[in-house]
Amino acid sequence: TDYEKESRNVEVRFGRTDEMPRQAIRLTTEEFYPVCSPIAAEADKHWESANLFESPAASCTWKAWLNSDNIMLPNDAHISRSSTFQMTFIAAEAGVGMAIGHDTLVNDLIVKGRLIAPFSHRAPMVEGYFLVDVQEHAQSDATRLFCDWIKAEFLEEQ
């Protein structure tokens, strides 16, 4: 999508810094890590023997997480991929295996006890959430209110 040619007041966009317009404000600095259901963690504490799930929509993959800890993903490793993070988290929550998630998407599920992070290692993510808005002089009152609210929400989460 050519975002610059579309008409919009404001948007929250996920991506890399170099993909964002100059005026974009970074809202998050993310880390990614495996998550699973508490029951699955009791039964299988090793990623090597677990069913692994990931979404190829971002750089946070099993291979990247392992490489960040100087561990190589075995050539025969089987990873199930889903087009959305939501599907990987549903599988993990159901106790089917472990998924790779990042802070913004899994923090609530962890706080509610639906998922846990079974390993202490976390890797920095190159992507993040950005606020992209029109030039300040072109903003409506509603756009300014939304921008102030979304910045406050993300700051509160960090």
N, C-alpha and C. Protein backbone atom coordinates (compact mmCIF):
# COMPACT_ATOMS: atom_id res chain seq x y z
N THR A 1 0.85 -1.19 0.00
CA THR A 1 0.00 0.00 0.00
C THR A 1 0.88 1.24 0.00
N ASP A 2 0.56 2.20 -0.79
CA ASP A 2 1.28 3.46 -0.80
C ASP A 2 0.58 4.40 0.19
N TYR A 3 1.05 4.35 1.44
CA TYR A 3 0.40 5.10 2.51
C TYR A 3 0.41 6.60 2.26
N GLU A 4 1.43 7.08 1.60
CA GLU A 4 1.55 8.53 1.41
C GLU A 4 0.50 9.08 0.46
N LYS A 5 -0.07 8.25 -0.39
CA LYS A 5 -1.08 8.72 -1.35
C LYS A 5 -2.50 8.57 -0.82
N GLU A 6 -2.65 7.85 0.30
CA GLU A 6 -3.98 7.65 0.85
C GLU A 6 -4.39 8.85 1.70
N SER A 7 -5.68 9.09 1.75
CA SER A 7 -6.22 10.16 2.56
C SER A 7 -6.50 9.61 3.96
N ARG A 8 -5.93 10.25 4.96
CA ARG A 8 -6.15 9.84 6.33
C ARG A 8 -5.79 10.99 7.26
N ASN A 9 -6.35 10.95 8.45
CA ASN A 9 -5.98 11.94 9.46
C ASN A 9 -4.84 11.43 10.33
N VAL A 10 -4.97 10.16 10.75
CA VAL A 10 -3.97 9.58 11.65
C VAL A 10 -4.07 8.06 11.55
N GLU A 11 -2.97 7.39 11.83
CA GLU A 11 -3.00 5.94 11.87
C GLU A 11 -1.92 5.45 12.82
N VAL A 12 -2.16 4.25 13.37
CA VAL A 12 -1.14 3.54 14.13
C VAL A 12 -0.64 2.47 13.20
N ARG A 13 0.66 2.50 12.93
CA ARG A 13 1.26 1.61 11.95
C ARG A 13 2.34 0.76 12.61
N PHE A 14 2.41 -0.52 12.22
CA PHE A 14 3.42 -1.44 12.72
C PHE A 14 4.49 -1.61 11.65
N GLY A 15 5.75 -1.48 12.02
CA GLY A 15 6.82 -1.67 11.04
C GLY A 15 8.16 -1.22 11.58
N ARG A 16 9.11 -1.11 10.66
CA ARG A 16 10.47 -0.68 11.00
C ARG A 16 10.57 0.84 10.88
N THR A 17 11.50 1.40 11.62
CA THR A 17 11.71 2.84 11.60
C THR A 17 11.96 3.35 10.18
N ASP A 18 12.77 2.63 9.42
CA ASP A 18 13.11 3.10 8.07
C ASP A 18 11.94 3.01 7.09
N GLU A 19 10.84 2.38 7.49
CA GLU A 19 9.65 2.30 6.64
C GLU A 19 8.64 3.41 6.95
N MET A 20 8.93 4.18 7.98
CA MET A 20 7.98 5.19 8.45
C MET A 20 8.31 6.57 7.88
N PRO A 21 7.28 7.39 7.73
CA PRO A 21 7.53 8.77 7.33
C PRO A 21 8.32 9.50 8.43
N ARG A 22 8.96 10.55 8.05
CA ARG A 22 9.82 11.29 8.98
C ARG A 22 9.07 11.77 10.23
N GLN A 23 7.81 12.14 10.09
CA GLN A 23 7.07 12.70 11.23
C GLN A 23 6.48 11.62 12.15
N ALA A 24 6.70 10.36 11.84
CA ALA A 24 6.14 9.28 12.67
C ALA A 24 6.75 9.30 14.07
N ILE A 25 5.92 9.00 15.06
CA ILE A 25 6.36 8.94 16.45
C ILE A 25 6.34 7.48 16.88
N ARG A 26 7.49 6.98 17.33
CA ARG A 26 7.55 5.58 17.78
C ARG A 26 6.83 5.47 19.12
N LEU A 27 5.87 4.56 19.19
CA LEU A 27 5.09 4.37 20.41
C LEU A 27 5.64 3.24 21.28
N THR A 28 6.30 2.26 20.66
CA THR A 28 6.77 1.11 21.42
C THR A 28 8.18 0.71 21.02
N THR A 29 8.86 0.11 21.97
CA THR A 29 10.10 -0.63 21.73
C THR A 29 9.79 -2.02 22.24
N GLU A 30 9.74 -2.97 21.33
CA GLU A 30 9.23 -4.30 21.63
C GLU A 30 10.35 -5.32 21.87
N GLU A 31 10.01 -6.33 22.65
CA GLU A 31 10.82 -7.54 22.78
C GLU A 31 9.93 -8.71 22.39
N PHE A 32 10.55 -9.79 21.89
CA PHE A 32 9.77 -10.97 21.54
C PHE A 32 10.35 -12.21 22.20
N TYR A 33 9.46 -13.22 22.41
CA TYR A 33 9.82 -14.38 23.21
C TYR A 33 8.72 -15.43 23.08
N PRO A 34 9.04 -16.67 23.44
CA PRO A 34 8.03 -17.73 23.40
C PRO A 34 6.98 -17.55 24.48
N VAL A 35 5.76 -17.97 24.15
CA VAL A 35 4.66 -18.01 25.12
C VAL A 35 3.92 -19.33 24.94
N CYS A 36 3.29 -19.77 26.02
CA CYS A 36 2.49 -20.99 25.97
C CYS A 36 1.49 -20.95 27.12
N SER A 37 0.60 -21.92 27.14
CA SER A 37 -0.37 -21.98 28.24
C SER A 37 0.36 -22.47 29.49
N PRO A 38 -0.11 -22.10 30.66
CA PRO A 38 0.52 -22.59 31.89
C PRO A 38 0.54 -24.12 31.96
N ILE A 39 -0.50 -24.76 31.46
CA ILE A 39 -0.57 -26.23 31.49
C ILE A 39 0.48 -26.83 30.57
N ALA A 40 0.66 -26.26 29.40
CA ALA A 40 1.67 -26.76 28.46
C ALA A 40 3.07 -26.59 29.03
N ALA A 41 3.30 -25.52 29.75
CA ALA A 41 4.62 -25.28 30.35
C ALA A 41 4.95 -26.35 31.38
N GLU A 42 3.94 -26.79 32.11
CA GLU A 42 4.15 -27.86 33.10
C GLU A 42 4.51 -29.17 32.41
N ALA A 43 3.85 -29.45 31.30
CA ALA A 43 4.02 -30.72 30.61
C ALA A 43 5.29 -30.76 29.77
N ASP A 44 5.69 -29.65 29.18
CA ASP A 44 6.79 -29.65 28.23
C ASP A 44 7.58 -28.36 28.38
N LYS A 45 8.69 -28.40 29.09
CA LYS A 45 9.46 -27.20 29.39
C LYS A 45 10.54 -26.90 28.35
N HIS A 46 10.61 -27.68 27.29
CA HIS A 46 11.68 -27.52 26.31
C HIS A 46 11.12 -27.18 24.94
N TRP A 47 11.62 -26.13 24.34
CA TRP A 47 11.15 -25.73 23.02
C TRP A 47 11.48 -26.81 21.99
N GLU A 48 12.57 -27.55 22.23
CA GLU A 48 13.01 -28.55 21.26
C GLU A 48 11.96 -29.63 21.01
N SER A 49 11.15 -29.95 22.01
CA SER A 49 10.17 -31.02 21.87
C SER A 49 8.73 -30.50 21.74
N ALA A 50 8.56 -29.19 21.77
CA ALA A 50 7.21 -28.61 21.69
C ALA A 50 6.80 -28.37 20.23
N ASN A 51 5.50 -28.31 20.01
CA ASN A 51 4.99 -27.84 18.73
C ASN A 51 5.23 -26.33 18.70
N LEU A 52 5.86 -25.84 17.65
CA LEU A 52 6.21 -24.43 17.56
C LEU A 52 5.32 -23.71 16.55
N PHE A 53 4.86 -22.53 16.93
CA PHE A 53 3.99 -21.71 16.08
C PHE A 53 4.57 -20.31 15.95
N GLU A 54 4.43 -19.73 14.76
CA GLU A 54 4.85 -18.34 14.55
C GLU A 54 4.03 -17.74 13.42
N SER A 55 4.08 -16.42 13.38
CA SER A 55 3.46 -15.68 12.28
C SER A 55 4.58 -14.99 11.52
N PRO A 56 4.67 -15.20 10.22
CA PRO A 56 5.78 -14.58 9.48
C PRO A 56 5.57 -13.10 9.20
N ALA A 57 4.65 -12.47 9.89
CA ALA A 57 4.33 -11.07 9.63
C ALA A 57 5.37 -10.10 10.19
N ALA A 58 6.33 -10.59 10.93
CA ALA A 58 7.33 -9.70 11.55
C ALA A 58 8.65 -10.46 11.65
N SER A 59 9.65 -9.77 12.15
CA SER A 59 10.97 -10.39 12.29
C SER A 59 11.06 -11.32 13.49
N CYS A 60 10.03 -11.34 14.32
CA CYS A 60 10.08 -12.18 15.52
C CYS A 60 9.68 -13.61 15.18
N THR A 61 10.69 -14.40 14.88
CA THR A 61 10.51 -15.81 14.52
C THR A 61 11.27 -16.67 15.51
N TRP A 62 10.99 -17.96 15.48
CA TRP A 62 11.75 -18.88 16.34
C TRP A 62 13.23 -18.82 16.02
N LYS A 63 13.56 -18.82 14.74
CA LYS A 63 14.98 -18.77 14.34
C LYS A 63 15.65 -17.51 14.88
N ALA A 64 15.00 -16.35 14.74
CA ALA A 64 15.57 -15.09 15.22
C ALA A 64 15.72 -15.10 16.75
N TRP A 65 14.71 -15.64 17.46
CA TRP A 65 14.79 -15.68 18.92
C TRP A 65 15.95 -16.58 19.37
N LEU A 66 16.06 -17.74 18.77
CA LEU A 66 17.16 -18.65 19.12
C LEU A 66 18.52 -18.05 18.76
N ASN A 67 18.62 -17.47 17.56
CA ASN A 67 19.89 -16.86 17.15
C ASN A 67 20.31 -15.74 18.10
N SER A 68 19.35 -15.00 18.64
CA SER A 68 19.67 -13.91 19.57
C SER A 68 20.26 -14.43 20.87
N ASP A 69 20.11 -15.73 21.11
CA ASP A 69 20.68 -16.38 22.30
C ASP A 69 21.80 -17.34 21.90
N ASN A 70 22.32 -17.15 20.68
CA ASN A 70 23.41 -17.98 20.14
C ASN A 70 23.08 -19.46 20.07
N ILE A 71 21.84 -19.76 19.74
CA ILE A 71 21.39 -21.15 19.56
C ILE A 71 20.91 -21.27 18.12
N MET A 72 21.29 -22.35 17.48
CA MET A 72 20.88 -22.57 16.09
C MET A 72 19.59 -23.40 16.07
N LEU A 73 18.67 -23.02 15.21
CA LEU A 73 17.46 -23.80 15.00
C LEU A 73 17.84 -25.04 14.20
N PRO A 74 17.52 -26.22 14.70
CA PRO A 74 17.88 -27.44 13.95
C PRO A 74 17.24 -27.46 12.57
N ASN A 75 17.94 -28.02 11.60
CA ASN A 75 17.43 -28.09 10.23
C ASN A 75 16.13 -28.86 10.13
N ASP A 76 15.93 -29.83 11.01
CA ASP A 76 14.73 -30.65 10.94
C ASP A 76 13.58 -30.11 11.81
N ALA A 77 13.75 -28.91 12.35
CA ALA A 77 12.69 -28.32 13.19
C ALA A 77 11.46 -28.04 12.34
N HIS A 78 10.30 -28.37 12.90
CA HIS A 78 9.05 -28.10 12.21
C HIS A 78 8.34 -26.94 12.92
N ILE A 79 8.07 -25.90 12.17
CA ILE A 79 7.37 -24.73 12.72
C ILE A 79 6.10 -24.51 11.91
N SER A 80 4.98 -24.47 12.62
CA SER A 80 3.70 -24.17 11.96
C SER A 80 3.56 -22.66 11.86
N ARG A 81 3.23 -22.18 10.67
CA ARG A 81 3.09 -20.74 10.46
C ARG A 81 1.63 -20.40 10.19
N SER A 82 1.23 -19.27 10.75
CA SER A 82 -0.12 -18.76 10.55
C SER A 82 -0.03 -17.37 9.96
N SER A 83 -1.05 -16.98 9.25
CA SER A 83 -1.02 -15.65 8.64
C SER A 83 -1.23 -14.54 9.67
N THR A 84 -1.69 -14.88 10.87
CA THR A 84 -1.90 -13.87 11.90
C THR A 84 -1.32 -14.32 13.24
N PHE A 85 -0.91 -13.34 14.03
CA PHE A 85 -0.45 -13.65 15.39
C PHE A 85 -1.58 -14.26 16.20
N GLN A 86 -2.79 -13.77 16.00
CA GLN A 86 -3.95 -14.24 16.76
C GLN A 86 -4.08 -15.76 16.72
N MET A 87 -3.91 -16.33 15.53
CA MET A 87 -4.03 -17.79 15.39
C MET A 87 -2.94 -18.52 16.16
N THR A 88 -1.73 -17.98 16.17
CA THR A 88 -0.65 -18.64 16.92
C THR A 88 -0.91 -18.58 18.41
N PHE A 89 -1.49 -17.48 18.89
CA PHE A 89 -1.77 -17.36 20.32
C PHE A 89 -2.94 -18.24 20.73
N ILE A 90 -3.91 -18.42 19.85
CA ILE A 90 -5.02 -19.34 20.13
C ILE A 90 -4.48 -20.75 20.31
N ALA A 91 -3.57 -21.17 19.43
CA ALA A 91 -2.96 -22.50 19.54
C ALA A 91 -2.18 -22.63 20.84
N ALA A 92 -1.40 -21.61 21.17
CA ALA A 92 -0.62 -21.66 22.41
C ALA A 92 -1.53 -21.70 23.64
N GLU A 93 -2.55 -20.87 23.63
CA GLU A 93 -3.48 -20.82 24.77
C GLU A 93 -4.22 -22.14 24.95
N ALA A 94 -4.49 -22.82 23.84
CA ALA A 94 -5.18 -24.11 23.90
C ALA A 94 -4.26 -25.24 24.37
N GLY A 95 -2.97 -24.94 24.55
CA GLY A 95 -2.05 -25.95 25.04
C GLY A 95 -1.46 -26.83 23.94
N VAL A 96 -1.60 -26.40 22.69
CA VAL A 96 -1.14 -27.19 21.56
C VAL A 96 0.37 -27.06 21.36
N GLY A 97 0.98 -25.98 21.84
CA GLY A 97 2.41 -25.78 21.67
C GLY A 97 2.82 -24.40 22.15
N MET A 98 3.97 -23.94 21.65
CA MET A 98 4.52 -22.64 22.01
C MET A 98 4.48 -21.72 20.80
N ALA A 99 4.20 -20.45 21.05
CA ALA A 99 4.17 -19.44 19.99
C ALA A 99 5.19 -18.36 20.32
N ILE A 100 5.60 -17.65 19.29
CA ILE A 100 6.45 -16.47 19.50
C ILE A 100 5.53 -15.25 19.50
N GLY A 101 5.68 -14.43 20.53
CA GLY A 101 4.86 -13.23 20.63
C GLY A 101 5.72 -12.04 21.01
N HIS A 102 5.13 -10.86 20.94
CA HIS A 102 5.84 -9.68 21.40
C HIS A 102 4.97 -8.90 22.38
N ASP A 103 5.66 -8.05 23.15
CA ASP A 103 5.06 -7.39 24.30
C ASP A 103 3.64 -6.88 24.09
N THR A 104 3.43 -6.03 23.12
CA THR A 104 2.12 -5.41 22.93
C THR A 104 1.03 -6.44 22.73
N LEU A 105 1.34 -7.53 22.04
CA LEU A 105 0.31 -8.52 21.72
C LEU A 105 0.07 -9.54 22.84
N VAL A 106 1.06 -9.81 23.68
CA VAL A 106 0.88 -10.88 24.68
C VAL A 106 0.82 -10.41 26.12
N ASN A 107 1.18 -9.16 26.40
CA ASN A 107 1.19 -8.72 27.80
C ASN A 107 -0.13 -8.95 28.52
N ASP A 108 -1.24 -8.58 27.90
CA ASP A 108 -2.56 -8.78 28.52
C ASP A 108 -2.84 -10.26 28.78
N LEU A 109 -2.51 -11.10 27.82
CA LEU A 109 -2.75 -12.54 27.98
C LEU A 109 -1.90 -13.12 29.11
N ILE A 110 -0.70 -12.59 29.29
CA ILE A 110 0.16 -13.03 30.39
C ILE A 110 -0.39 -12.55 31.72
N VAL A 111 -0.78 -11.28 31.79
CA VAL A 111 -1.35 -10.72 33.03
C VAL A 111 -2.59 -11.49 33.45
N LYS A 112 -3.42 -11.90 32.50
CA LYS A 112 -4.65 -12.64 32.80
C LYS A 112 -4.39 -14.12 33.09
N GLY A 113 -3.14 -14.57 32.95
CA GLY A 113 -2.81 -15.96 33.23
C GLY A 113 -3.16 -16.94 32.12
N ARG A 114 -3.54 -16.42 30.96
CA ARG A 114 -3.91 -17.29 29.84
C ARG A 114 -2.68 -17.81 29.12
N LEU A 115 -1.59 -17.04 29.15
CA LEU A 115 -0.30 -17.46 28.60
C LEU A 115 0.78 -17.15 29.61
N ILE A 116 1.91 -17.83 29.47
CA ILE A 116 3.09 -17.50 30.27
C ILE A 116 4.28 -17.43 29.33
N ALA A 117 5.33 -16.78 29.78
CA ALA A 117 6.61 -16.74 29.06
C ALA A 117 7.52 -17.73 29.79
N PRO A 118 7.70 -18.96 29.26
CA PRO A 118 8.42 -20.00 30.00
C PRO A 118 9.93 -19.82 30.08
N PHE A 119 10.50 -18.90 29.31
CA PHE A 119 11.95 -18.70 29.31
C PHE A 119 12.26 -17.24 29.63
N SER A 120 13.38 -17.01 30.28
CA SER A 120 13.73 -15.63 30.66
C SER A 120 14.31 -14.83 29.50
N HIS A 121 14.86 -15.50 28.50
CA HIS A 121 15.49 -14.78 27.39
C HIS A 121 14.44 -14.07 26.53
N ARG A 122 14.70 -12.79 26.27
CA ARG A 122 13.86 -11.98 25.39
C ARG A 122 14.77 -11.30 24.38
N ALA A 123 14.28 -11.15 23.18
CA ALA A 123 15.08 -10.54 22.11
C ALA A 123 14.46 -9.22 21.68
N PRO A 124 15.29 -8.23 21.37
CA PRO A 124 14.74 -6.95 20.89
C PRO A 124 14.17 -7.11 19.48
N MET A 125 13.09 -6.42 19.24
CA MET A 125 12.43 -6.47 17.94
C MET A 125 12.77 -5.22 17.15
N VAL A 126 12.99 -5.36 15.86
CA VAL A 126 13.29 -4.18 15.05
C VAL A 126 12.03 -3.39 14.73
N GLU A 127 10.89 -4.07 14.67
CA GLU A 127 9.63 -3.37 14.41
C GLU A 127 9.07 -2.78 15.70
N GLY A 128 8.12 -1.91 15.51
CA GLY A 128 7.40 -1.32 16.63
C GLY A 128 6.13 -0.69 16.10
N TYR A 129 5.37 -0.10 17.01
CA TYR A 129 4.16 0.63 16.64
C TYR A 129 4.49 2.12 16.57
N PHE A 130 3.98 2.76 15.52
CA PHE A 130 4.25 4.17 15.27
C PHE A 130 2.93 4.92 15.09
N LEU A 131 2.92 6.16 15.54
CA LEU A 131 1.79 7.05 15.30
C LEU A 131 2.17 7.93 14.12
N VAL A 132 1.36 7.87 13.07
CA VAL A 132 1.59 8.66 11.87
C VAL A 132 0.39 9.58 11.71
N ASP A 133 0.63 10.87 11.78
CA ASP A 133 -0.48 11.80 11.65
C ASP A 133 -0.14 12.88 10.63
N VAL A 134 -1.15 13.62 10.26
CA VAL A 134 -0.95 14.71 9.30
C VAL A 134 -0.22 15.84 9.99
N GLN A 135 0.24 16.78 9.20
CA GLN A 135 0.94 17.93 9.78
C GLN A 135 0.06 18.59 10.83
N GLU A 136 0.69 19.07 11.88
CA GLU A 136 -0.05 19.62 13.01
C GLU A 136 -1.04 20.71 12.62
N HIS A 137 -0.69 21.55 11.68
CA HIS A 137 -1.60 22.65 11.29
C HIS A 137 -2.85 22.12 10.58
N ALA A 138 -2.80 20.87 10.10
CA ALA A 138 -3.95 20.31 9.39
C ALA A 138 -4.80 19.41 10.28
N GLN A 139 -4.41 19.26 11.52
CA GLN A 139 -5.15 18.36 12.41
C GLN A 139 -6.46 18.97 12.88
N SER A 140 -7.46 18.11 12.97
CA SER A 140 -8.73 18.52 13.56
C SER A 140 -8.62 18.36 15.08
N ASP A 141 -9.59 18.90 15.81
CA ASP A 141 -9.61 18.71 17.26
C ASP A 141 -9.71 17.23 17.60
N ALA A 142 -10.52 16.48 16.84
CA ALA A 142 -10.68 15.05 17.10
C ALA A 142 -9.37 14.30 16.88
N THR A 143 -8.62 14.67 15.85
CA THR A 143 -7.33 14.03 15.58
C THR A 143 -6.35 14.32 16.71
N ARG A 144 -6.30 15.57 17.16
CA ARG A 144 -5.40 15.92 18.27
C ARG A 144 -5.77 15.15 19.53
N LEU A 145 -7.06 15.04 19.82
CA LEU A 145 -7.50 14.29 21.01
C LEU A 145 -7.10 12.81 20.90
N PHE A 146 -7.31 12.22 19.73
CA PHE A 146 -6.94 10.82 19.53
C PHE A 146 -5.43 10.64 19.69
N CYS A 147 -4.64 11.51 19.07
CA CYS A 147 -3.18 11.41 19.17
C CYS A 147 -2.71 11.52 20.62
N ASP A 148 -3.25 12.46 21.36
CA ASP A 148 -2.89 12.60 22.77
C ASP A 148 -3.28 11.35 23.56
N TRP A 149 -4.46 10.82 23.29
CA TRP A 149 -4.94 9.64 24.00
C TRP A 149 -4.06 8.41 23.69
N ILE A 150 -3.77 8.17 22.41
CA ILE A 150 -3.02 6.97 22.04
C ILE A 150 -1.59 7.05 22.58
N LYS A 151 -0.99 8.23 22.56
CA LYS A 151 0.37 8.38 23.14
C LYS A 151 0.34 8.09 24.63
N ALA A 152 -0.67 8.59 25.33
CA ALA A 152 -0.78 8.34 26.77
C ALA A 152 -0.99 6.86 27.05
N GLU A 153 -1.83 6.19 26.24
CA GLU A 153 -2.07 4.76 26.42
C GLU A 153 -0.79 3.94 26.26
N PHE A 154 -0.03 4.22 25.24
CA PHE A 154 1.21 3.47 25.01
C PHE A 154 2.25 3.79 26.06
N LEU A 155 2.34 5.04 26.50
CA LEU A 155 3.30 5.39 27.55
C LEU A 155 2.95 4.68 28.85
N GLU A 156 1.64 4.56 29.14
CA GLU A 156 1.19 3.87 30.35
C GLU A 156 1.57 2.41 30.33
N GLU A 157 1.57 1.78 29.15
CA GLU A 157 1.88 0.36 29.01
C GLU A 157 3.35 0.06 29.23
N GLN A 158 4.22 1.05 29.01
CA GLN A 158 5.67 0.80 29.08
C GLN A 158 6.24 1.02 30.42
